[in-house]
Amino acid sequence: MLVILSSCSTRVTPGDSVLSHDSPPPPDSGTRESHFGRRDLAGKDLPGGRDLPRPDVRLDSWPVVDQACGPTEIEAEDATKVQQTGWVVVSGGVLHAGQGLEGWSSGASLSFSFYGTDLTVYHETGPNRGTFVVTVDGGASKSVNTTTASFTFQVPVVVAAGLPLATHTAVVVCQSPYCSVDYFLTHPCP
């Protein structure tokens, strides 16, 4: 199978030939080339044989995913990625990965960095839930009112879209008691 890499996520299975406009793979990439032709790590010749060297074709011996394109989940309770003040880690089977954050007072805040063009927050709604505000890179705030008649979990709200493809900083501030944030999803493809 010949796969042409694009600027977005492309999966390649072992044994596939890859046509790319990228620079050649680094020496330790799994492609082996000599005056005998190109071979994968198992020693199998590339399609076309040894007599037809093709500098525009490379064979990757493992799945390739363009890291700049796949959606990324950021768990709200992940202390290695999210800095927070005034939030409490809560657990439950209805939460993504079994945990989330709950702000029990106005002013509870959290922040994190993400790479991408869009950001979606997944949260809880319910009769005793309040409002939180999300800002990205200090820009305009997006207010999210989570008060509803009944409880619903993992409710998505797009809070930023069409951002430049870069690293951004998001800040979430609880505007009233009982804000719940489960996780965030970044969308790194424009």
N, C-alpha and C. Protein backbone atom coordinates (compact mmCIF):
# COMPACT_ATOMS: atom_id res chain seq x y z
N MET A 1 0.84 -1.18 0.00
CA MET A 1 0.00 0.00 0.00
C MET A 1 0.88 1.23 0.00
N LEU A 2 0.60 2.18 -0.87
CA LEU A 2 1.31 3.44 -0.91
C LEU A 2 0.46 4.48 -0.21
N VAL A 3 1.07 5.20 0.74
CA VAL A 3 0.36 6.21 1.51
C VAL A 3 1.03 7.54 1.25
N ILE A 4 0.24 8.55 0.90
CA ILE A 4 0.77 9.89 0.71
C ILE A 4 0.47 10.67 1.97
N LEU A 5 1.51 11.15 2.63
CA LEU A 5 1.32 11.88 3.88
C LEU A 5 0.76 13.25 3.59
N SER A 6 -0.18 13.66 4.43
CA SER A 6 -0.76 14.99 4.32
C SER A 6 -0.34 15.79 5.53
N SER A 7 -0.88 16.98 5.68
CA SER A 7 -0.53 17.80 6.83
C SER A 7 -1.32 17.41 8.06
N CYS A 8 -2.20 16.42 7.92
CA CYS A 8 -3.00 15.99 9.06
C CYS A 8 -2.70 14.53 9.37
N SER A 9 -3.43 13.96 10.29
CA SER A 9 -3.15 12.63 10.80
C SER A 9 -3.22 11.57 9.71
N THR A 10 -2.17 10.78 9.60
CA THR A 10 -2.11 9.69 8.65
C THR A 10 -1.55 8.48 9.35
N ARG A 11 -2.25 7.37 9.28
CA ARG A 11 -1.77 6.15 9.89
C ARG A 11 -1.16 5.27 8.82
N VAL A 12 -0.02 4.72 9.15
CA VAL A 12 0.69 3.85 8.24
C VAL A 12 0.94 2.54 8.96
N THR A 13 0.62 1.45 8.32
CA THR A 13 0.85 0.16 8.96
C THR A 13 2.21 -0.37 8.53
N PRO A 14 2.80 -1.25 9.35
CA PRO A 14 4.11 -1.79 8.99
C PRO A 14 4.07 -2.40 7.60
N GLY A 15 5.10 -2.11 6.83
CA GLY A 15 5.19 -2.64 5.48
C GLY A 15 4.69 -1.69 4.41
N ASP A 16 4.02 -0.58 4.80
CA ASP A 16 3.53 0.38 3.82
C ASP A 16 4.68 1.22 3.28
N SER A 17 4.57 1.62 2.02
CA SER A 17 5.49 2.60 1.46
C SER A 17 4.87 3.96 1.68
N VAL A 18 5.70 4.95 1.94
CA VAL A 18 5.18 6.27 2.26
C VAL A 18 5.80 7.29 1.32
N LEU A 19 4.96 8.04 0.62
CA LEU A 19 5.42 9.13 -0.22
C LEU A 19 5.18 10.41 0.56
N SER A 20 6.23 11.19 0.76
CA SER A 20 6.11 12.37 1.59
C SER A 20 6.93 13.50 1.01
N HIS A 21 6.49 14.71 1.24
CA HIS A 21 7.27 15.87 0.85
C HIS A 21 8.13 16.34 2.01
N ASP A 22 8.12 15.57 3.09
CA ASP A 22 8.94 15.90 4.26
C ASP A 22 10.41 15.63 3.94
N SER A 23 11.26 16.06 4.84
CA SER A 23 12.68 15.75 4.70
C SER A 23 12.87 14.26 4.93
N PRO A 24 14.00 13.71 4.51
CA PRO A 24 14.23 12.27 4.68
C PRO A 24 14.17 11.88 6.15
N PRO A 25 13.82 10.63 6.44
CA PRO A 25 13.73 10.19 7.82
C PRO A 25 15.09 10.21 8.49
N PRO A 26 15.14 10.41 9.82
CA PRO A 26 16.42 10.35 10.52
C PRO A 26 17.00 8.95 10.44
N PRO A 27 18.32 8.82 10.66
CA PRO A 27 18.96 7.52 10.50
C PRO A 27 18.35 6.40 11.34
N ASP A 28 17.78 6.71 12.48
CA ASP A 28 17.23 5.66 13.35
C ASP A 28 15.73 5.48 13.15
N SER A 29 15.19 5.87 12.00
CA SER A 29 13.74 5.85 11.79
C SER A 29 13.17 4.48 11.46
N GLY A 30 14.00 3.50 11.22
CA GLY A 30 13.49 2.18 10.88
C GLY A 30 13.64 1.85 9.42
N THR A 31 13.95 2.84 8.58
CA THR A 31 14.21 2.58 7.17
C THR A 31 15.69 2.25 7.02
N ARG A 32 15.99 1.23 6.28
CA ARG A 32 17.38 0.86 6.04
C ARG A 32 17.65 0.99 4.55
N GLU A 33 18.68 1.75 4.21
CA GLU A 33 19.00 1.96 2.81
C GLU A 33 20.48 1.72 2.61
N SER A 34 20.82 1.04 1.55
CA SER A 34 22.21 0.82 1.18
C SER A 34 22.28 0.78 -0.33
N HIS A 35 23.45 0.45 -0.88
CA HIS A 35 23.56 0.35 -2.33
C HIS A 35 22.76 -0.83 -2.86
N PHE A 36 22.23 -1.68 -1.96
CA PHE A 36 21.39 -2.80 -2.38
C PHE A 36 19.92 -2.39 -2.48
N GLY A 37 19.57 -1.19 -2.06
CA GLY A 37 18.19 -0.74 -2.12
C GLY A 37 17.63 -0.49 -0.73
N ARG A 38 16.32 -0.23 -0.65
CA ARG A 38 15.65 0.05 0.62
C ARG A 38 14.99 -1.21 1.15
N ARG A 39 15.10 -1.39 2.46
CA ARG A 39 14.48 -2.54 3.11
C ARG A 39 13.88 -2.10 4.43
N ASP A 40 12.84 -2.84 4.87
CA ASP A 40 12.29 -2.56 6.19
C ASP A 40 13.16 -3.28 7.23
N LEU A 41 12.80 -3.13 8.51
CA LEU A 41 13.60 -3.73 9.58
C LEU A 41 13.66 -5.25 9.50
N ALA A 42 12.66 -5.87 8.86
CA ALA A 42 12.66 -7.32 8.73
C ALA A 42 13.50 -7.78 7.54
N GLY A 43 14.07 -6.82 6.78
CA GLY A 43 14.90 -7.17 5.65
C GLY A 43 14.15 -7.33 4.35
N LYS A 44 12.86 -7.03 4.34
CA LYS A 44 12.05 -7.18 3.13
C LYS A 44 12.32 -6.01 2.18
N ASP A 45 12.54 -6.33 0.88
CA ASP A 45 12.77 -5.30 -0.12
C ASP A 45 11.52 -4.47 -0.32
N LEU A 46 11.71 -3.20 -0.64
CA LEU A 46 10.58 -2.35 -1.01
C LEU A 46 10.02 -2.76 -2.36
N PRO A 47 8.75 -2.46 -2.64
CA PRO A 47 8.20 -2.72 -3.96
C PRO A 47 9.04 -2.02 -5.03
N GLY A 48 9.22 -2.66 -6.15
CA GLY A 48 10.02 -2.09 -7.22
C GLY A 48 11.40 -2.70 -7.31
N GLY A 49 11.79 -3.42 -6.29
CA GLY A 49 13.07 -4.12 -6.32
C GLY A 49 14.26 -3.21 -6.12
N ARG A 50 15.42 -3.83 -6.14
CA ARG A 50 16.66 -3.13 -5.86
C ARG A 50 17.11 -2.26 -7.03
N ASP A 51 16.61 -2.54 -8.22
CA ASP A 51 17.09 -1.83 -9.39
C ASP A 51 16.42 -0.47 -9.58
N LEU A 52 15.40 -0.17 -8.80
CA LEU A 52 14.67 1.07 -8.97
C LEU A 52 14.70 1.90 -7.70
N PRO A 53 15.86 2.45 -7.31
CA PRO A 53 15.88 3.27 -6.10
C PRO A 53 15.01 4.50 -6.29
N ARG A 54 14.21 4.81 -5.30
CA ARG A 54 13.28 5.93 -5.37
C ARG A 54 13.52 6.83 -4.16
N PRO A 55 14.23 7.93 -4.32
CA PRO A 55 14.52 8.78 -3.16
C PRO A 55 13.28 9.41 -2.54
N ASP A 56 12.14 9.42 -3.27
CA ASP A 56 10.93 10.02 -2.73
C ASP A 56 10.07 9.01 -1.97
N VAL A 57 10.51 7.76 -1.84
CA VAL A 57 9.73 6.74 -1.14
C VAL A 57 10.51 6.28 0.08
N ARG A 58 9.84 6.18 1.18
CA ARG A 58 10.47 5.63 2.37
C ARG A 58 9.54 4.63 3.00
N LEU A 59 10.08 3.66 3.66
CA LEU A 59 9.29 2.61 4.28
C LEU A 59 9.43 2.74 5.78
N ASP A 60 8.34 2.95 6.45
CA ASP A 60 8.35 3.00 7.91
C ASP A 60 7.92 1.65 8.43
N SER A 61 8.57 1.18 9.47
CA SER A 61 8.30 -0.17 9.96
C SER A 61 7.38 -0.17 11.18
N TRP A 62 6.71 0.92 11.47
CA TRP A 62 5.75 1.00 12.55
C TRP A 62 4.69 2.04 12.18
N PRO A 63 3.56 2.06 12.89
CA PRO A 63 2.53 3.07 12.58
C PRO A 63 3.06 4.48 12.75
N VAL A 64 2.71 5.35 11.84
CA VAL A 64 3.12 6.74 11.90
C VAL A 64 1.88 7.60 12.09
N VAL A 65 1.91 8.48 13.06
CA VAL A 65 0.82 9.43 13.26
C VAL A 65 1.44 10.81 13.36
N ASP A 66 0.95 11.73 12.57
CA ASP A 66 1.42 13.10 12.66
C ASP A 66 0.92 13.66 13.98
N GLN A 67 1.82 13.87 14.94
CA GLN A 67 1.45 14.29 16.28
C GLN A 67 0.73 15.63 16.28
N ALA A 68 0.91 16.42 15.23
CA ALA A 68 0.30 17.74 15.21
C ALA A 68 -1.18 17.70 14.90
N CYS A 69 -1.76 16.53 14.63
CA CYS A 69 -3.14 16.51 14.20
C CYS A 69 -4.12 15.76 15.08
N GLY A 70 -3.71 14.73 15.77
CA GLY A 70 -4.65 13.95 16.55
C GLY A 70 -5.21 14.73 17.73
N PRO A 71 -6.52 14.60 18.01
CA PRO A 71 -7.09 15.27 19.19
C PRO A 71 -6.39 14.81 20.46
N THR A 72 -6.28 15.69 21.42
CA THR A 72 -5.61 15.38 22.68
C THR A 72 -6.55 15.65 23.83
N GLU A 73 -6.67 14.68 24.72
CA GLU A 73 -7.48 14.85 25.93
C GLU A 73 -6.59 15.33 27.07
N ILE A 74 -7.09 16.29 27.81
CA ILE A 74 -6.40 16.78 29.01
C ILE A 74 -7.38 16.60 30.16
N GLU A 75 -7.05 15.71 31.07
CA GLU A 75 -7.90 15.48 32.24
C GLU A 75 -7.80 16.68 33.18
N ALA A 76 -8.92 17.22 33.62
CA ALA A 76 -8.93 18.40 34.48
C ALA A 76 -8.17 18.16 35.79
N GLU A 77 -8.21 16.91 36.29
CA GLU A 77 -7.58 16.62 37.57
C GLU A 77 -6.10 16.27 37.46
N ASP A 78 -5.53 16.27 36.24
CA ASP A 78 -4.14 15.90 36.02
C ASP A 78 -3.21 17.01 36.49
N ALA A 79 -2.66 16.85 37.69
CA ALA A 79 -1.83 17.89 38.31
C ALA A 79 -0.52 18.12 37.55
N THR A 80 -0.13 17.18 36.67
CA THR A 80 1.09 17.39 35.89
C THR A 80 0.84 18.35 34.72
N LYS A 81 -0.41 18.57 34.34
CA LYS A 81 -0.74 19.44 33.22
C LYS A 81 -1.60 20.63 33.60
N VAL A 82 -2.37 20.50 34.67
CA VAL A 82 -3.33 21.54 35.05
C VAL A 82 -2.97 22.09 36.43
N GLN A 83 -2.78 23.41 36.49
CA GLN A 83 -2.54 24.07 37.77
C GLN A 83 -3.87 24.63 38.25
N GLN A 84 -4.21 24.34 39.50
CA GLN A 84 -5.53 24.77 39.98
C GLN A 84 -5.46 25.28 41.40
N THR A 85 -6.41 26.18 41.71
CA THR A 85 -6.57 26.72 43.05
C THR A 85 -8.05 26.73 43.37
N GLY A 86 -8.44 26.09 44.47
CA GLY A 86 -9.83 26.12 44.91
C GLY A 86 -10.71 25.04 44.32
N TRP A 87 -10.15 24.10 43.59
CA TRP A 87 -10.91 22.99 43.01
C TRP A 87 -10.64 21.74 43.83
N VAL A 88 -11.59 20.82 43.83
CA VAL A 88 -11.48 19.56 44.56
C VAL A 88 -11.62 18.42 43.56
N VAL A 89 -10.75 17.40 43.67
CA VAL A 89 -10.87 16.23 42.81
C VAL A 89 -12.05 15.40 43.29
N VAL A 90 -12.95 15.06 42.36
CA VAL A 90 -14.11 14.21 42.66
C VAL A 90 -14.03 12.95 41.82
N SER A 91 -14.61 11.87 42.32
CA SER A 91 -14.57 10.59 41.62
C SER A 91 -15.98 10.11 41.34
N GLY A 92 -16.10 9.31 40.28
CA GLY A 92 -17.40 8.72 39.96
C GLY A 92 -17.37 8.03 38.61
N GLY A 93 -18.16 7.01 38.49
CA GLY A 93 -18.22 6.23 37.26
C GLY A 93 -18.76 6.99 36.06
N VAL A 94 -19.44 8.11 36.28
CA VAL A 94 -20.00 8.88 35.16
C VAL A 94 -18.99 9.88 34.61
N LEU A 95 -17.85 10.00 35.28
CA LEU A 95 -16.83 10.94 34.85
C LEU A 95 -15.83 10.28 33.91
N HIS A 96 -15.31 11.03 32.98
CA HIS A 96 -14.29 10.55 32.05
C HIS A 96 -13.05 10.15 32.87
N ALA A 97 -12.57 8.96 32.67
CA ALA A 97 -11.43 8.41 33.42
C ALA A 97 -11.72 8.33 34.91
N GLY A 98 -12.99 8.45 35.31
CA GLY A 98 -13.38 8.24 36.70
C GLY A 98 -13.17 9.40 37.64
N GLN A 99 -12.61 10.52 37.16
CA GLN A 99 -12.38 11.68 38.02
C GLN A 99 -12.61 12.98 37.27
N GLY A 100 -12.80 14.04 38.05
CA GLY A 100 -12.95 15.38 37.49
C GLY A 100 -12.64 16.40 38.57
N LEU A 101 -12.89 17.65 38.29
CA LEU A 101 -12.68 18.73 39.28
C LEU A 101 -13.99 19.43 39.54
N GLU A 102 -14.16 19.85 40.79
CA GLU A 102 -15.34 20.60 41.19
C GLU A 102 -14.87 21.84 41.95
N GLY A 103 -15.37 23.00 41.50
CA GLY A 103 -15.09 24.25 42.20
C GLY A 103 -16.26 24.56 43.12
N TRP A 104 -15.98 24.64 44.41
CA TRP A 104 -17.06 24.83 45.39
C TRP A 104 -17.25 26.28 45.78
N SER A 105 -16.46 27.18 45.20
CA SER A 105 -16.62 28.59 45.55
C SER A 105 -16.30 29.46 44.34
N SER A 106 -16.87 30.64 44.33
CA SER A 106 -16.60 31.60 43.28
C SER A 106 -15.12 31.97 43.33
N GLY A 107 -14.48 32.04 42.18
CA GLY A 107 -13.07 32.41 42.14
C GLY A 107 -12.12 31.22 42.00
N ALA A 108 -12.64 29.99 42.17
CA ALA A 108 -11.77 28.83 41.96
C ALA A 108 -11.25 28.90 40.52
N SER A 109 -9.95 28.68 40.32
CA SER A 109 -9.39 28.83 38.97
C SER A 109 -8.46 27.67 38.64
N LEU A 110 -8.32 27.43 37.34
CA LEU A 110 -7.35 26.45 36.86
C LEU A 110 -6.81 26.95 35.54
N SER A 111 -5.61 26.51 35.20
CA SER A 111 -5.00 26.90 33.93
C SER A 111 -4.15 25.76 33.40
N PHE A 112 -3.97 25.75 32.08
CA PHE A 112 -3.14 24.75 31.43
C PHE A 112 -2.78 25.24 30.04
N SER A 113 -1.76 24.65 29.47
CA SER A 113 -1.36 24.95 28.11
C SER A 113 -1.78 23.82 27.19
N PHE A 114 -2.07 24.16 25.95
CA PHE A 114 -2.43 23.16 24.95
C PHE A 114 -1.93 23.61 23.59
N TYR A 115 -1.73 22.66 22.70
CA TYR A 115 -1.30 22.94 21.33
C TYR A 115 -2.48 22.65 20.41
N GLY A 116 -2.88 23.62 19.62
CA GLY A 116 -3.98 23.36 18.71
C GLY A 116 -4.68 24.60 18.24
N THR A 117 -5.81 24.36 17.56
CA THR A 117 -6.61 25.45 17.00
C THR A 117 -7.96 25.59 17.68
N ASP A 118 -8.41 24.53 18.37
CA ASP A 118 -9.73 24.53 19.01
C ASP A 118 -9.61 23.92 20.41
N LEU A 119 -10.56 24.27 21.27
CA LEU A 119 -10.61 23.70 22.62
C LEU A 119 -12.06 23.48 23.02
N THR A 120 -12.34 22.26 23.47
CA THR A 120 -13.67 21.89 23.96
C THR A 120 -13.54 21.50 25.42
N VAL A 121 -14.47 22.00 26.25
CA VAL A 121 -14.49 21.60 27.66
C VAL A 121 -15.68 20.66 27.86
N TYR A 122 -15.45 19.58 28.59
CA TYR A 122 -16.51 18.63 28.95
C TYR A 122 -16.79 18.85 30.44
N HIS A 123 -18.07 19.05 30.77
CA HIS A 123 -18.43 19.44 32.14
C HIS A 123 -19.74 18.77 32.54
N GLU A 124 -20.12 19.03 33.78
CA GLU A 124 -21.38 18.52 34.33
C GLU A 124 -22.39 19.66 34.39
N THR A 125 -23.65 19.33 34.11
CA THR A 125 -24.72 20.30 34.31
C THR A 125 -25.67 19.74 35.37
N GLY A 126 -26.44 20.61 36.01
CA GLY A 126 -27.39 20.16 37.02
C GLY A 126 -28.05 21.32 37.73
N PRO A 127 -29.03 21.01 38.60
CA PRO A 127 -29.80 22.07 39.26
C PRO A 127 -28.98 22.91 40.24
N ASN A 128 -27.87 22.36 40.76
CA ASN A 128 -27.07 23.14 41.70
C ASN A 128 -25.72 23.55 41.10
N ARG A 129 -25.57 23.48 39.79
CA ARG A 129 -24.33 23.86 39.11
C ARG A 129 -24.40 25.32 38.70
N GLY A 130 -23.24 25.95 38.65
CA GLY A 130 -23.19 27.38 38.35
C GLY A 130 -22.57 27.70 37.02
N THR A 131 -21.89 28.84 36.98
CA THR A 131 -21.30 29.35 35.75
C THR A 131 -19.79 29.42 35.88
N PHE A 132 -19.09 29.03 34.81
CA PHE A 132 -17.64 29.26 34.79
C PHE A 132 -17.30 29.99 33.49
N VAL A 133 -16.14 30.63 33.50
CA VAL A 133 -15.68 31.42 32.36
C VAL A 133 -14.35 30.86 31.90
N VAL A 134 -14.19 30.74 30.58
CA VAL A 134 -12.94 30.25 29.99
C VAL A 134 -12.34 31.36 29.13
N THR A 135 -11.05 31.63 29.32
CA THR A 135 -10.33 32.55 28.44
C THR A 135 -9.14 31.80 27.86
N VAL A 136 -8.79 32.12 26.64
CA VAL A 136 -7.62 31.53 25.98
C VAL A 136 -6.69 32.67 25.59
N ASP A 137 -5.46 32.58 26.05
CA ASP A 137 -4.42 33.58 25.77
C ASP A 137 -4.83 34.98 26.19
N GLY A 138 -5.65 35.09 27.24
CA GLY A 138 -6.06 36.38 27.76
C GLY A 138 -7.07 37.11 26.88
N GLY A 139 -7.62 36.42 25.89
CA GLY A 139 -8.58 37.03 24.96
C GLY A 139 -9.98 37.11 25.56
N ALA A 140 -10.95 37.18 24.71
CA ALA A 140 -12.35 37.28 25.13
C ALA A 140 -12.76 36.05 25.92
N SER A 141 -13.59 36.27 26.93
CA SER A 141 -14.05 35.17 27.79
C SER A 141 -15.27 34.49 27.19
N LYS A 142 -15.35 33.20 27.42
CA LYS A 142 -16.54 32.42 27.03
C LYS A 142 -17.21 31.98 28.32
N SER A 143 -18.41 32.43 28.57
CA SER A 143 -19.16 32.08 29.77
C SER A 143 -19.96 30.81 29.52
N VAL A 144 -19.88 29.86 30.46
CA VAL A 144 -20.60 28.60 30.33
C VAL A 144 -21.52 28.45 31.55
N ASN A 145 -22.84 28.56 31.31
CA ASN A 145 -23.83 28.38 32.37
C ASN A 145 -24.20 26.90 32.42
N THR A 146 -23.98 26.27 33.56
CA THR A 146 -24.20 24.82 33.67
C THR A 146 -25.43 24.47 34.50
N THR A 147 -26.29 25.45 34.75
CA THR A 147 -27.51 25.18 35.51
C THR A 147 -28.58 24.60 34.60
N THR A 148 -29.05 23.39 34.94
CA THR A 148 -30.13 22.73 34.20
C THR A 148 -31.05 22.04 35.20
N ALA A 149 -32.20 21.57 34.74
CA ALA A 149 -33.18 20.93 35.62
C ALA A 149 -32.71 19.58 36.15
N SER A 150 -31.89 18.86 35.38
CA SER A 150 -31.41 17.55 35.83
C SER A 150 -29.91 17.43 35.55
N PHE A 151 -29.27 16.47 36.19
CA PHE A 151 -27.83 16.28 36.04
C PHE A 151 -27.51 15.57 34.72
N THR A 152 -26.51 16.08 34.04
CA THR A 152 -25.97 15.46 32.82
C THR A 152 -24.46 15.56 32.91
N PHE A 153 -23.78 14.49 32.50
CA PHE A 153 -22.33 14.45 32.61
C PHE A 153 -21.67 14.44 31.24
N GLN A 154 -20.43 14.89 31.21
CA GLN A 154 -19.60 14.95 30.01
C GLN A 154 -20.28 15.74 28.88
N VAL A 155 -20.79 16.89 29.24
CA VAL A 155 -21.45 17.78 28.28
C VAL A 155 -20.36 18.62 27.58
N PRO A 156 -20.26 18.53 26.24
CA PRO A 156 -19.22 19.29 25.54
C PRO A 156 -19.65 20.71 25.19
N VAL A 157 -18.71 21.64 25.32
CA VAL A 157 -18.91 23.02 24.87
C VAL A 157 -17.61 23.48 24.23
N VAL A 158 -17.70 23.91 22.97
CA VAL A 158 -16.52 24.47 22.31
C VAL A 158 -16.31 25.87 22.88
N VAL A 159 -15.13 26.10 23.45
CA VAL A 159 -14.86 27.39 24.07
C VAL A 159 -13.87 28.22 23.26
N ALA A 160 -13.19 27.59 22.29
CA ALA A 160 -12.29 28.33 21.40
C ALA A 160 -12.22 27.57 20.08
N ALA A 161 -12.26 28.31 18.99
CA ALA A 161 -12.18 27.70 17.65
C ALA A 161 -11.47 28.65 16.71
N GLY A 162 -10.75 28.08 15.75
CA GLY A 162 -10.09 28.90 14.75
C GLY A 162 -8.86 29.64 15.24
N LEU A 163 -8.27 29.15 16.33
CA LEU A 163 -7.04 29.77 16.84
C LEU A 163 -5.88 29.45 15.90
N PRO A 164 -4.81 30.24 15.93
CA PRO A 164 -3.62 29.87 15.16
C PRO A 164 -3.07 28.54 15.70
N LEU A 165 -2.51 27.72 14.83
CA LEU A 165 -1.92 26.46 15.25
C LEU A 165 -0.65 26.76 16.02
N ALA A 166 -0.77 26.71 17.35
CA ALA A 166 0.33 27.08 18.24
C ALA A 166 0.00 26.60 19.65
N THR A 167 0.89 26.89 20.59
CA THR A 167 0.65 26.58 22.01
C THR A 167 -0.11 27.75 22.62
N HIS A 168 -1.19 27.44 23.33
CA HIS A 168 -2.04 28.45 23.96
C HIS A 168 -2.19 28.16 25.44
N THR A 169 -2.62 29.15 26.19
CA THR A 169 -2.90 28.99 27.61
C THR A 169 -4.38 29.25 27.87
N ALA A 170 -5.04 28.28 28.51
CA ALA A 170 -6.45 28.42 28.86
C ALA A 170 -6.58 28.63 30.36
N VAL A 171 -7.51 29.48 30.76
CA VAL A 171 -7.81 29.73 32.17
C VAL A 171 -9.31 29.54 32.37
N VAL A 172 -9.68 28.76 33.39
CA VAL A 172 -11.08 28.53 33.73
C VAL A 172 -11.30 29.08 35.13
N VAL A 173 -12.31 29.93 35.29
CA VAL A 173 -12.62 30.52 36.60
C VAL A 173 -14.09 30.28 36.91
N CYS A 174 -14.35 29.74 38.08
CA CYS A 174 -15.70 29.50 38.57
C CYS A 174 -16.31 30.85 38.97
N GLN A 175 -17.45 31.20 38.41
CA GLN A 175 -18.10 32.48 38.72
C GLN A 175 -19.11 32.36 39.86
N SER A 176 -19.50 31.14 40.17
CA SER A 176 -20.45 30.88 41.26
C SER A 176 -20.12 29.51 41.84
N PRO A 177 -20.61 29.19 43.02
CA PRO A 177 -20.30 27.88 43.60
C PRO A 177 -20.76 26.71 42.73
N TYR A 178 -20.06 25.62 42.88
CA TYR A 178 -20.39 24.33 42.25
C TYR A 178 -20.26 24.33 40.74
N CYS A 179 -19.04 24.54 40.30
CA CYS A 179 -18.68 24.36 38.90
C CYS A 179 -18.00 23.00 38.79
N SER A 180 -18.30 22.27 37.74
CA SER A 180 -17.68 20.96 37.54
C SER A 180 -17.06 20.89 36.15
N VAL A 181 -15.80 20.49 36.10
CA VAL A 181 -15.09 20.33 34.84
C VAL A 181 -14.52 18.92 34.83
N ASP A 182 -14.78 18.18 33.76
CA ASP A 182 -14.34 16.80 33.65
C ASP A 182 -13.02 16.68 32.89
N TYR A 183 -13.02 17.12 31.62
CA TYR A 183 -11.78 17.10 30.84
C TYR A 183 -11.89 18.06 29.67
N PHE A 184 -10.76 18.25 28.98
CA PHE A 184 -10.68 19.14 27.84
C PHE A 184 -10.21 18.34 26.63
N LEU A 185 -10.66 18.74 25.46
CA LEU A 185 -10.24 18.10 24.23
C LEU A 185 -9.70 19.20 23.31
N THR A 186 -8.45 19.03 22.88
CA THR A 186 -7.87 20.00 21.96
C THR A 186 -7.95 19.43 20.55
N HIS A 187 -8.04 20.30 19.59
CA HIS A 187 -8.15 19.91 18.19
C HIS A 187 -7.01 20.59 17.44
N PRO A 188 -5.90 19.89 17.29
CA PRO A 188 -4.74 20.52 16.69
C PRO A 188 -4.76 20.72 15.18
N CYS A 189 -5.74 20.25 14.45
CA CYS A 189 -5.76 20.48 13.01
C CYS A 189 -6.59 21.70 12.68
N PRO A 190 -6.10 22.54 11.77
CA PRO A 190 -6.90 23.70 11.39
C PRO A 190 -8.13 23.30 10.60
